[in-house]
Amino acid sequence: MAEYGVTAEDLGFMEAPTSRPRPPVQPKYRDPATGQTWSGRGRAPAWIAGKDMTQFLIRAEPKP
C-alpha cells in the first residue's frame, strides 16, 4: 500500500464502529438465602439452575 500511495480509506476500509454504553440491567431474580441477584441474562447461577425460577422472582413494588 505504501508503495502505491493507497490508504485503507481508499480501499473502502472504515474504522470499526464503537459500541455505545448500555445501562445496567435490573435484577429479576433474588436468592432469599444469600441475597444474590441475577438479571436473567447469561448462564444461570448455581443457586437457581434447575429449579423453578418463579419462586426467586423479585416482585415489582407498586408505584404511588
C-alpha atoms as a PDB file:
ATOM      1  CA  MET A   1       0.000   0.000   0.000  1.00  0.00           C
ATOM      2  CA  ALA A   2       2.805   2.399   0.854  1.00  0.00           C
ATOM      3  CA  GLU A   3       4.484   1.677  -2.471  1.00  0.00           C
ATOM      4  CA  TYR A   4       1.413   2.793  -4.399  1.00  0.00           C
ATOM      5  CA  GLY A   5       0.324   5.548  -2.017  1.00  0.00           C
ATOM      6  CA  VAL A   6      -3.024   3.902  -1.265  1.00  0.00           C
ATOM      7  CA  THR A   7      -4.707   4.267   2.107  1.00  0.00           C
ATOM      8  CA  ALA A   8      -7.150   1.957   3.846  1.00  0.00           C
ATOM      9  CA  GLU A   9      -9.897   4.536   3.270  1.00  0.00           C
ATOM     10  CA  ASP A  10      -9.169   4.450  -0.480  1.00  0.00           C
ATOM     11  CA  LEU A  11      -9.841   0.723  -0.445  1.00  0.00           C
ATOM     12  CA  GLY A  12     -13.119   1.138   1.433  1.00  0.00           C
ATOM     13  CA  PHE A  13     -11.959   0.061   4.864  1.00  0.00           C
ATOM     14  CA  MET A  14     -13.535   2.011   7.684  1.00  0.00           C
ATOM     15  CA  GLU A  15     -12.945   2.113  11.398  1.00  0.00           C
ATOM     16  CA  ALA A  16     -14.946  -0.389  13.382  1.00  0.00           C
ATOM     17  CA  PRO A  17     -17.987   1.228  14.942  1.00  0.00           C
ATOM     18  CA  THR A  18     -17.682   1.702  18.664  1.00  0.00           C
ATOM     19  CA  SER A  19     -20.406   0.285  20.838  1.00  0.00           C
ATOM     20  CA  ARG A  20     -22.367   2.746  22.880  1.00  0.00           C
ATOM     21  CA  PRO A  21     -22.565   2.258  26.623  1.00  0.00           C
ATOM     22  CA  ARG A  22     -25.693   0.472  27.757  1.00  0.00           C
ATOM     23  CA  PRO A  23     -27.422   0.954  31.071  1.00  0.00           C
ATOM     24  CA  PRO A  24     -27.095  -1.898  33.556  1.00  0.00           C
ATOM     25  CA  VAL A  25     -29.894  -4.479  33.544  1.00  0.00           C
ATOM     26  CA  GLN A  26     -32.082  -4.584  36.630  1.00  0.00           C
ATOM     27  CA  PRO A  27     -32.011  -7.880  38.561  1.00  0.00           C
ATOM     28  CA  LYS A  28     -35.026 -10.122  38.020  1.00  0.00           C
ATOM     29  CA  TYR A  29     -34.277 -12.946  40.472  1.00  0.00           C
ATOM     30  CA  ARG A  30     -33.003 -12.956  44.091  1.00  0.00           C
ATOM     31  CA  ASP A  31     -31.730 -15.805  46.248  1.00  0.00           C
ATOM     32  CA  PRO A  32     -33.520 -15.378  49.600  1.00  0.00           C
ATOM     33  CA  ALA A  33     -30.795 -17.249  51.460  1.00  0.00           C
ATOM     34  CA  THR A  34     -27.839 -15.119  50.336  1.00  0.00           C
ATOM     35  CA  GLY A  35     -29.388 -12.037  48.736  1.00  0.00           C
ATOM     36  CA  GLN A  36     -27.523 -12.633  45.471  1.00  0.00           C
ATOM     37  CA  THR A  37     -29.323 -11.420  42.367  1.00  0.00           C
ATOM     38  CA  TRP A  38     -29.421 -12.395  38.693  1.00  0.00           C
ATOM     39  CA  SER A  39     -30.775 -10.424  35.758  1.00  0.00           C
ATOM     40  CA  GLY A  40     -31.943 -13.484  33.847  1.00  0.00           C
ATOM     41  CA  ARG A  41     -29.315 -12.987  31.164  1.00  0.00           C
ATOM     42  CA  GLY A  42     -26.396 -15.269  30.571  1.00  0.00           C
ATOM     43  CA  ARG A  43     -25.689 -18.517  32.346  1.00  0.00           C
ATOM     44  CA  ALA A  44     -27.889 -19.188  35.365  1.00  0.00           C
ATOM     45  CA  PRO A  45     -26.067 -19.194  38.715  1.00  0.00           C
ATOM     46  CA  ALA A  46     -25.896 -22.435  40.708  1.00  0.00           C
ATOM     47  CA  TRP A  47     -28.484 -21.291  43.261  1.00  0.00           C
ATOM     48  CA  ILE A  48     -31.215 -21.102  40.575  1.00  0.00           C
ATOM     49  CA  ALA A  49     -30.091 -23.626  37.944  1.00  0.00           C
ATOM     50  CA  GLY A  50     -32.548 -26.490  37.514  1.00  0.00           C
ATOM     51  CA  LYS A  51     -35.104 -25.024  39.938  1.00  0.00           C
ATOM     52  CA  ASP A  52     -38.476 -23.358  39.494  1.00  0.00           C
ATOM     53  CA  MET A  53     -37.462 -19.759  38.773  1.00  0.00           C
ATOM     54  CA  THR A  54     -40.824 -18.287  39.743  1.00  0.00           C
ATOM     55  CA  GLN A  55     -40.018 -18.732  43.429  1.00  0.00           C
ATOM     56  CA  PHE A  56     -36.988 -16.445  43.010  1.00  0.00           C
ATOM     57  CA  LEU A  57     -38.725 -13.622  41.094  1.00  0.00           C
ATOM     58  CA  ILE A  58     -38.305 -10.156  42.537  1.00  0.00           C
ATOM     59  CA  ARG A  59     -41.757  -8.659  42.880  1.00  0.00           C
ATOM     60  CA  ALA A  60     -42.214  -5.204  41.425  1.00  0.00           C
ATOM     61  CA  GLU A  61     -43.176  -2.653  44.038  1.00  0.00           C
ATOM     62  CA  PRO A  62     -46.348  -0.721  43.228  1.00  0.00           C
ATOM     63  CA  LYS A  63     -45.793   2.880  42.197  1.00  0.00           C
ATOM     64  CA  PRO A  64     -47.523   5.557  44.293  1.00  0.00           C
END
